[in-house]
């Protein structure tokens, strides 16, 4: 019952939104203190090539890596990675799926890839993803309850 209610709440927030807008997501990583540079090295060596492939094949429009500014109270995350995707109506899959791509990029060093990713995840204390759907502010009325054109022009 609880799952059903949560699914309805998630569905409530969309109602067609974002079909013609560019979806945006952020992945948050909390990394064990003192190992941030090692984590970054591993990310850039073993994970970023997958992101670069998505960028090169226009399955991903933008990829940025962030750290918190200063010494605020944040503490919940060490790195944030943002992703901007093409609008769902314009999105096309990359030629290779993830497994095929890993085999192509790292086939001759697959054991090193696995060890590198294992180590990166050992250093990751917590990880979560948050996806965002942009609201079309020109919709009248602007509502999360009524069906939306999703930024598509009639």
N, C-alpha and C. Protein backbone atom coordinates (compact mmCIF):
# COMPACT_ATOMS: atom_id res chain seq x y z
N UNK A 1 0.83 -1.20 0.00
CA UNK A 1 0.00 0.00 0.00
C UNK A 1 0.86 1.26 0.00
N UNK A 2 1.90 1.26 0.83
CA UNK A 2 2.78 2.42 0.91
C UNK A 2 3.46 2.68 -0.44
N UNK A 3 3.93 1.59 -1.09
CA UNK A 3 4.57 1.73 -2.39
C UNK A 3 3.61 2.35 -3.40
N UNK A 4 2.37 1.90 -3.40
CA UNK A 4 1.37 2.42 -4.31
C UNK A 4 1.18 3.92 -4.11
N UNK A 5 1.11 4.36 -2.85
CA UNK A 5 0.94 5.79 -2.55
C UNK A 5 2.14 6.60 -3.00
N UNK A 6 3.34 6.06 -2.78
CA UNK A 6 4.55 6.77 -3.22
C UNK A 6 4.57 6.88 -4.73
N UNK A 7 4.21 5.80 -5.43
CA UNK A 7 4.17 5.83 -6.88
C UNK A 7 3.19 6.89 -7.38
N UNK A 8 2.03 7.00 -6.72
CA UNK A 8 1.06 8.02 -7.10
C UNK A 8 1.62 9.43 -6.89
N UNK A 9 2.34 9.64 -5.80
CA UNK A 9 2.92 10.95 -5.53
C UNK A 9 3.95 11.30 -6.59
N UNK A 10 4.80 10.33 -6.95
CA UNK A 10 5.79 10.59 -7.99
C UNK A 10 5.10 10.88 -9.32
N UNK A 11 4.09 10.10 -9.64
CA UNK A 11 3.37 10.34 -10.89
C UNK A 11 2.69 11.70 -10.86
N UNK A 12 2.19 12.10 -9.69
CA UNK A 12 1.53 13.39 -9.55
C UNK A 12 2.45 14.53 -9.97
N UNK A 13 3.72 14.44 -9.64
CA UNK A 13 4.66 15.52 -9.92
C UNK A 13 4.98 15.66 -11.40
N UNK A 14 4.69 14.67 -12.21
CA UNK A 14 5.06 14.74 -13.62
C UNK A 14 3.86 15.15 -14.48
N UNK A 15 2.84 14.31 -14.57
CA UNK A 15 1.63 14.60 -15.37
C UNK A 15 1.94 15.10 -16.77
N UNK A 16 2.96 14.51 -17.41
CA UNK A 16 3.29 14.90 -18.78
C UNK A 16 4.41 15.91 -18.87
N UNK A 17 4.86 16.42 -17.75
CA UNK A 17 5.90 17.44 -17.77
C UNK A 17 7.21 16.89 -18.33
N UNK A 18 7.94 17.75 -18.99
CA UNK A 18 9.29 17.43 -19.41
C UNK A 18 9.44 16.74 -20.75
N UNK A 19 8.33 16.41 -21.43
CA UNK A 19 8.44 15.70 -22.70
C UNK A 19 9.33 16.44 -23.69
N UNK A 20 9.21 17.74 -23.74
CA UNK A 20 9.99 18.54 -24.69
C UNK A 20 11.05 19.40 -23.99
N UNK A 21 11.29 19.11 -22.73
CA UNK A 21 12.30 19.83 -21.97
C UNK A 21 13.51 18.91 -21.80
N UNK A 22 14.64 19.49 -21.44
CA UNK A 22 15.85 18.71 -21.25
C UNK A 22 15.94 18.26 -19.79
N UNK A 23 15.81 16.94 -19.53
CA UNK A 23 15.91 16.45 -18.16
C UNK A 23 17.29 16.71 -17.58
N UNK A 24 17.32 16.94 -16.29
CA UNK A 24 18.53 17.28 -15.58
C UNK A 24 18.63 16.38 -14.36
N UNK A 25 19.80 15.88 -14.09
CA UNK A 25 19.97 15.03 -12.91
C UNK A 25 21.26 15.36 -12.19
N UNK A 26 21.29 15.05 -10.91
CA UNK A 26 22.50 15.22 -10.12
C UNK A 26 22.74 13.94 -9.34
N UNK A 27 23.96 13.44 -9.42
CA UNK A 27 24.40 12.31 -8.60
C UNK A 27 25.27 12.87 -7.49
N UNK A 28 24.95 12.51 -6.27
CA UNK A 28 25.72 12.97 -5.11
C UNK A 28 26.55 11.81 -4.56
N UNK A 29 27.77 12.12 -4.18
CA UNK A 29 28.68 11.14 -3.60
C UNK A 29 29.28 11.70 -2.32
N UNK A 30 29.18 10.96 -1.24
CA UNK A 30 29.89 11.27 -0.02
C UNK A 30 31.08 10.32 0.03
N UNK A 31 32.29 10.89 0.04
CA UNK A 31 33.51 10.10 -0.05
C UNK A 31 34.23 10.14 1.29
N UNK A 32 34.86 9.02 1.63
CA UNK A 32 35.62 8.92 2.87
C UNK A 32 36.68 10.02 2.92
N UNK A 33 36.74 10.73 4.03
CA UNK A 33 37.67 11.84 4.19
C UNK A 33 39.11 11.42 3.98
N UNK A 34 39.87 12.27 3.30
CA UNK A 34 41.27 12.02 3.02
C UNK A 34 41.51 11.24 1.74
N UNK A 35 40.44 10.74 1.12
CA UNK A 35 40.58 9.93 -0.09
C UNK A 35 39.93 10.60 -1.31
N UNK A 36 39.64 11.88 -1.20
CA UNK A 36 38.92 12.58 -2.28
C UNK A 36 39.70 12.55 -3.60
N UNK A 37 41.01 12.80 -3.55
CA UNK A 37 41.80 12.81 -4.79
C UNK A 37 41.88 11.42 -5.42
N UNK A 38 42.01 10.40 -4.60
CA UNK A 38 42.02 9.03 -5.13
C UNK A 38 40.68 8.74 -5.80
N UNK A 39 39.58 9.14 -5.16
CA UNK A 39 38.25 8.92 -5.75
C UNK A 39 38.14 9.62 -7.10
N UNK A 40 38.62 10.88 -7.15
CA UNK A 40 38.57 11.62 -8.41
C UNK A 40 39.40 10.94 -9.50
N UNK A 41 40.59 10.47 -9.15
CA UNK A 41 41.43 9.76 -10.12
C UNK A 41 40.71 8.53 -10.67
N UNK A 42 40.09 7.77 -9.78
CA UNK A 42 39.36 6.57 -10.20
C UNK A 42 38.15 6.93 -11.06
N UNK A 43 37.43 7.97 -10.67
CA UNK A 43 36.26 8.41 -11.44
C UNK A 43 36.67 8.79 -12.87
N UNK A 44 37.72 9.59 -12.96
CA UNK A 44 38.16 10.07 -14.27
C UNK A 44 38.73 8.93 -15.13
N UNK A 45 39.39 7.98 -14.52
CA UNK A 45 40.00 6.89 -15.29
C UNK A 45 38.99 5.85 -15.74
N UNK A 46 38.07 5.47 -14.85
CA UNK A 46 37.21 4.33 -15.13
C UNK A 46 35.75 4.67 -15.41
N UNK A 47 35.26 5.79 -14.93
CA UNK A 47 33.84 6.11 -15.15
C UNK A 47 33.64 7.22 -16.18
N UNK A 48 34.48 8.22 -16.15
CA UNK A 48 34.29 9.34 -17.08
C UNK A 48 34.32 8.92 -18.55
N UNK A 49 35.14 7.94 -18.95
CA UNK A 49 35.08 7.52 -20.37
C UNK A 49 33.68 7.09 -20.81
N UNK A 50 32.89 6.53 -19.89
CA UNK A 50 31.50 6.16 -20.23
C UNK A 50 30.67 7.42 -20.47
N UNK A 51 30.91 8.44 -19.65
CA UNK A 51 30.19 9.71 -19.81
C UNK A 51 30.62 10.40 -21.11
N UNK A 52 31.92 10.35 -21.41
CA UNK A 52 32.42 10.98 -22.63
C UNK A 52 31.80 10.32 -23.86
N UNK A 53 31.65 9.00 -23.82
CA UNK A 53 31.00 8.29 -24.92
C UNK A 53 29.56 8.79 -25.09
N UNK A 54 28.84 8.93 -23.98
CA UNK A 54 27.46 9.43 -24.05
C UNK A 54 27.44 10.85 -24.61
N UNK A 55 28.40 11.69 -24.23
CA UNK A 55 28.49 13.05 -24.77
C UNK A 55 28.79 13.01 -26.27
N UNK A 56 29.75 12.20 -26.66
CA UNK A 56 30.13 12.11 -28.08
C UNK A 56 28.99 11.61 -28.95
N UNK A 57 28.11 10.78 -28.39
CA UNK A 57 26.99 10.22 -29.15
C UNK A 57 25.67 10.93 -28.89
N UNK A 58 25.73 12.09 -28.23
CA UNK A 58 24.59 12.95 -27.97
C UNK A 58 23.47 12.27 -27.17
N UNK A 59 23.82 11.22 -26.42
CA UNK A 59 22.87 10.64 -25.48
C UNK A 59 22.88 11.47 -24.19
N UNK A 60 23.90 12.29 -24.04
CA UNK A 60 24.09 13.19 -22.92
C UNK A 60 24.58 14.51 -23.48
N UNK A 61 23.99 15.63 -23.04
CA UNK A 61 24.37 16.94 -23.57
C UNK A 61 25.44 17.62 -22.73
N UNK A 62 25.45 17.32 -21.44
CA UNK A 62 26.37 18.02 -20.55
C UNK A 62 26.66 17.15 -19.32
N UNK A 63 27.89 17.22 -18.87
CA UNK A 63 28.33 16.49 -17.67
C UNK A 63 29.28 17.41 -16.93
N UNK A 64 28.96 17.72 -15.67
CA UNK A 64 29.80 18.60 -14.86
C UNK A 64 30.04 17.95 -13.50
N UNK A 65 31.20 18.24 -12.94
CA UNK A 65 31.59 17.72 -11.64
C UNK A 65 31.76 18.90 -10.68
N UNK A 66 31.15 18.80 -9.49
CA UNK A 66 31.14 19.91 -8.53
C UNK A 66 31.64 19.46 -7.16
N UNK A 67 32.17 20.42 -6.41
CA UNK A 67 32.46 20.25 -4.99
C UNK A 67 31.77 21.39 -4.26
N UNK A 68 31.46 21.23 -2.96
CA UNK A 68 30.86 22.34 -2.21
C UNK A 68 31.83 23.52 -2.15
N UNK A 69 31.29 24.70 -2.10
CA UNK A 69 32.09 25.92 -2.01
C UNK A 69 32.31 26.26 -0.54
N UNK A 70 33.55 26.23 -0.12
CA UNK A 70 33.86 26.63 1.25
C UNK A 70 33.67 25.51 2.25
N UNK A 71 33.56 25.91 3.50
CA UNK A 71 33.45 24.95 4.61
C UNK A 71 32.12 25.13 5.32
N UNK A 72 31.04 25.07 4.55
CA UNK A 72 29.71 25.26 5.13
C UNK A 72 29.27 24.05 5.92
N UNK A 73 28.03 24.03 6.24
CA UNK A 73 27.44 22.96 7.04
C UNK A 73 27.03 21.76 6.18
N UNK A 74 27.28 21.80 4.86
CA UNK A 74 26.79 20.76 3.96
C UNK A 74 27.13 19.37 4.48
N UNK A 75 28.34 18.93 4.34
CA UNK A 75 28.78 17.66 4.90
C UNK A 75 28.07 16.42 4.42
N UNK A 76 26.96 16.56 3.70
CA UNK A 76 26.21 15.40 3.23
C UNK A 76 26.80 14.82 1.95
N UNK A 77 27.58 15.62 1.24
CA UNK A 77 28.16 15.14 -0.01
C UNK A 77 29.52 15.79 -0.24
N UNK A 78 30.37 15.06 -0.95
CA UNK A 78 31.72 15.51 -1.28
C UNK A 78 31.76 15.98 -2.72
N UNK A 79 31.13 15.23 -3.61
CA UNK A 79 31.09 15.55 -5.04
C UNK A 79 29.65 15.46 -5.54
N UNK A 80 29.33 16.32 -6.48
CA UNK A 80 28.05 16.24 -7.18
C UNK A 80 28.36 16.23 -8.67
N UNK A 81 27.69 15.38 -9.38
CA UNK A 81 27.88 15.27 -10.83
C UNK A 81 26.54 15.60 -11.47
N UNK A 82 26.54 16.60 -12.36
CA UNK A 82 25.28 16.96 -13.03
C UNK A 82 25.26 16.41 -14.44
N UNK A 83 24.06 16.08 -14.88
CA UNK A 83 23.83 15.53 -16.20
C UNK A 83 22.68 16.28 -16.85
N UNK A 84 22.87 16.70 -18.08
CA UNK A 84 21.80 17.30 -18.87
C UNK A 84 21.57 16.40 -20.07
N UNK A 85 20.34 15.92 -20.20
CA UNK A 85 20.00 14.99 -21.27
C UNK A 85 19.18 15.70 -22.34
N UNK A 86 19.16 15.17 -23.56
CA UNK A 86 18.25 15.72 -24.57
C UNK A 86 16.80 15.49 -24.13
N UNK A 87 15.91 16.33 -24.62
CA UNK A 87 14.48 16.15 -24.34
C UNK A 87 14.08 14.74 -24.78
N UNK A 88 13.15 14.14 -24.05
CA UNK A 88 12.79 12.75 -24.33
C UNK A 88 12.33 12.54 -25.76
N UNK A 89 11.69 13.54 -26.34
CA UNK A 89 11.22 13.39 -27.73
C UNK A 89 12.37 13.42 -28.72
N UNK A 90 13.54 13.94 -28.31
CA UNK A 90 14.70 14.04 -29.20
C UNK A 90 15.78 13.03 -28.85
N UNK A 91 15.62 12.32 -27.76
CA UNK A 91 16.66 11.42 -27.26
C UNK A 91 16.78 10.19 -28.14
N UNK A 92 18.02 9.84 -28.44
CA UNK A 92 18.30 8.61 -29.17
C UNK A 92 19.33 7.83 -28.37
N UNK A 93 19.22 6.52 -28.37
CA UNK A 93 20.18 5.73 -27.60
C UNK A 93 21.56 5.76 -28.26
N UNK A 94 22.59 5.64 -27.46
CA UNK A 94 23.95 5.52 -28.00
C UNK A 94 24.06 4.17 -28.70
N UNK A 95 24.95 4.06 -29.68
CA UNK A 95 25.07 2.80 -30.43
C UNK A 95 25.37 1.57 -29.56
N UNK A 96 26.19 1.75 -28.51
CA UNK A 96 26.53 0.62 -27.64
C UNK A 96 25.83 0.76 -26.30
N UNK A 97 25.35 -0.36 -25.76
CA UNK A 97 24.81 -0.30 -24.40
C UNK A 97 25.98 -0.32 -23.42
N UNK A 98 25.69 -0.19 -22.14
CA UNK A 98 26.76 -0.05 -21.13
C UNK A 98 27.72 -1.24 -21.12
N UNK A 99 27.19 -2.45 -21.16
CA UNK A 99 28.05 -3.64 -21.13
C UNK A 99 28.95 -3.68 -22.37
N UNK A 100 28.38 -3.42 -23.54
CA UNK A 100 29.18 -3.40 -24.77
C UNK A 100 30.25 -2.32 -24.72
N UNK A 101 29.90 -1.16 -24.18
CA UNK A 101 30.84 -0.05 -24.10
C UNK A 101 32.00 -0.38 -23.15
N UNK A 102 31.69 -0.94 -22.00
CA UNK A 102 32.75 -1.31 -21.05
C UNK A 102 33.69 -2.32 -21.70
N UNK A 103 33.14 -3.27 -22.40
CA UNK A 103 33.96 -4.27 -23.10
C UNK A 103 34.84 -3.60 -24.16
N UNK A 104 34.28 -2.66 -24.90
CA UNK A 104 35.06 -1.98 -25.95
C UNK A 104 36.15 -1.08 -25.36
N UNK A 105 35.80 -0.32 -24.32
CA UNK A 105 36.77 0.61 -23.74
C UNK A 105 37.85 -0.08 -22.91
N UNK A 106 37.46 -1.11 -22.17
CA UNK A 106 38.37 -1.68 -21.18
C UNK A 106 38.60 -3.18 -21.36
N UNK A 107 38.20 -3.74 -22.50
CA UNK A 107 38.27 -5.19 -22.69
C UNK A 107 39.61 -5.80 -22.34
N UNK A 108 40.71 -5.15 -22.76
CA UNK A 108 42.04 -5.70 -22.49
C UNK A 108 42.51 -5.42 -21.06
N UNK A 109 41.78 -4.57 -20.35
CA UNK A 109 42.12 -4.28 -18.95
C UNK A 109 40.88 -4.38 -18.06
N UNK A 110 40.04 -5.34 -18.37
CA UNK A 110 38.77 -5.50 -17.67
C UNK A 110 38.97 -5.74 -16.17
N UNK A 111 39.98 -6.53 -15.81
CA UNK A 111 40.24 -6.77 -14.38
C UNK A 111 40.62 -5.47 -13.68
N UNK A 112 41.41 -4.62 -14.34
CA UNK A 112 41.78 -3.32 -13.76
C UNK A 112 40.56 -2.41 -13.63
N UNK A 113 39.67 -2.46 -14.64
CA UNK A 113 38.44 -1.68 -14.58
C UNK A 113 37.61 -2.10 -13.36
N UNK A 114 37.42 -3.41 -13.20
CA UNK A 114 36.63 -3.92 -12.08
C UNK A 114 37.28 -3.52 -10.75
N UNK A 115 38.59 -3.68 -10.64
CA UNK A 115 39.29 -3.31 -9.40
C UNK A 115 39.16 -1.81 -9.13
N UNK A 116 39.29 -0.99 -10.17
CA UNK A 116 39.17 0.46 -10.02
C UNK A 116 37.78 0.88 -9.57
N UNK A 117 36.75 0.29 -10.18
CA UNK A 117 35.38 0.62 -9.79
C UNK A 117 35.06 0.11 -8.39
N UNK A 118 35.57 -1.07 -8.05
CA UNK A 118 35.37 -1.58 -6.68
C UNK A 118 36.00 -0.62 -5.67
N UNK A 119 37.21 -0.16 -5.98
CA UNK A 119 37.89 0.74 -5.05
C UNK A 119 37.13 2.06 -4.94
N UNK A 120 36.65 2.60 -6.06
CA UNK A 120 35.89 3.86 -6.02
C UNK A 120 34.66 3.70 -5.14
N UNK A 121 33.98 2.57 -5.25
CA UNK A 121 32.78 2.35 -4.43
C UNK A 121 33.13 2.02 -2.99
N UNK A 122 34.31 1.48 -2.72
CA UNK A 122 34.76 1.32 -1.33
C UNK A 122 34.94 2.67 -0.66
N UNK A 123 35.41 3.65 -1.43
CA UNK A 123 35.65 5.00 -0.90
C UNK A 123 34.36 5.81 -0.81
N UNK A 124 33.30 5.35 -1.47
CA UNK A 124 32.02 6.05 -1.47
C UNK A 124 31.21 5.60 -0.26
N UNK A 125 31.03 6.53 0.67
CA UNK A 125 30.29 6.23 1.90
C UNK A 125 28.79 6.22 1.62
N UNK A 126 28.34 7.15 0.77
CA UNK A 126 26.91 7.29 0.46
C UNK A 126 26.78 7.84 -0.96
N UNK A 127 25.75 7.40 -1.67
CA UNK A 127 25.50 7.86 -3.04
C UNK A 127 24.00 7.90 -3.28
N UNK A 128 23.54 8.95 -3.95
CA UNK A 128 22.14 9.02 -4.35
C UNK A 128 22.02 9.90 -5.59
N UNK A 129 20.97 9.65 -6.34
CA UNK A 129 20.68 10.40 -7.57
C UNK A 129 19.38 11.15 -7.38
N UNK A 130 19.33 12.35 -7.93
CA UNK A 130 18.11 13.15 -7.93
C UNK A 130 17.88 13.63 -9.35
N UNK A 131 16.72 13.32 -9.89
CA UNK A 131 16.35 13.77 -11.24
C UNK A 131 15.36 14.92 -11.13
N UNK A 132 15.44 15.83 -12.07
CA UNK A 132 14.59 17.01 -12.07
C UNK A 132 13.86 17.11 -13.39
N UNK A 133 12.62 17.57 -13.33
CA UNK A 133 11.84 17.88 -14.53
C UNK A 133 11.55 19.37 -14.48
N UNK A 134 11.96 20.07 -15.51
CA UNK A 134 11.73 21.51 -15.55
C UNK A 134 10.25 21.80 -15.80
N UNK A 135 9.73 22.73 -15.05
CA UNK A 135 8.36 23.19 -15.28
C UNK A 135 8.39 24.25 -16.37
N UNK A 136 7.42 24.22 -17.25
CA UNK A 136 7.28 25.24 -18.29
C UNK A 136 6.51 26.41 -17.68
N UNK A 137 7.22 27.48 -17.34
CA UNK A 137 6.61 28.62 -16.65
C UNK A 137 5.59 29.35 -17.52
N UNK A 138 5.58 29.08 -18.83
CA UNK A 138 4.61 29.75 -19.69
C UNK A 138 3.24 29.06 -19.65
N UNK A 139 3.15 27.88 -19.06
CA UNK A 139 1.86 27.21 -18.97
C UNK A 139 0.92 27.99 -18.06
N UNK A 140 -0.32 28.07 -18.50
CA UNK A 140 -1.31 28.80 -17.72
C UNK A 140 -2.56 27.93 -17.63
N UNK A 141 -2.93 27.50 -16.45
CA UNK A 141 -2.27 27.78 -15.17
C UNK A 141 -1.06 26.85 -14.99
N UNK A 142 -0.08 27.33 -14.26
CA UNK A 142 1.07 26.51 -13.89
C UNK A 142 0.62 25.62 -12.74
N UNK A 143 0.65 24.32 -12.96
CA UNK A 143 0.09 23.40 -11.97
C UNK A 143 0.84 22.08 -12.00
N UNK A 144 0.98 21.45 -10.85
CA UNK A 144 1.52 20.10 -10.81
C UNK A 144 0.39 19.07 -10.82
N UNK A 145 -0.85 19.54 -10.74
CA UNK A 145 -1.99 18.63 -10.68
C UNK A 145 -2.63 18.40 -12.04
N UNK A 146 -2.62 19.40 -12.90
CA UNK A 146 -3.26 19.27 -14.21
C UNK A 146 -2.27 18.71 -15.22
N UNK A 147 -2.77 17.98 -16.21
CA UNK A 147 -1.88 17.48 -17.26
C UNK A 147 -1.14 18.63 -17.94
N UNK A 148 0.07 18.32 -18.40
CA UNK A 148 0.93 19.34 -18.98
C UNK A 148 1.33 18.95 -20.40
N UNK A 149 1.58 19.95 -21.22
CA UNK A 149 2.12 19.70 -22.56
C UNK A 149 3.60 19.35 -22.48
N UNK A 150 4.22 19.51 -21.33
CA UNK A 150 5.61 19.13 -21.13
C UNK A 150 6.59 20.01 -21.86
N UNK A 151 6.22 21.27 -22.10
CA UNK A 151 7.10 22.17 -22.82
C UNK A 151 6.97 22.08 -24.32
N UNK A 152 6.11 21.18 -24.80
CA UNK A 152 5.90 21.04 -26.25
C UNK A 152 4.97 22.15 -26.72
N UNK A 153 5.29 22.72 -27.82
CA UNK A 153 4.43 23.76 -28.39
C UNK A 153 3.33 23.10 -29.20
N UNK A 154 2.06 23.51 -28.99
CA UNK A 154 0.94 22.89 -29.74
C UNK A 154 0.99 23.25 -31.21
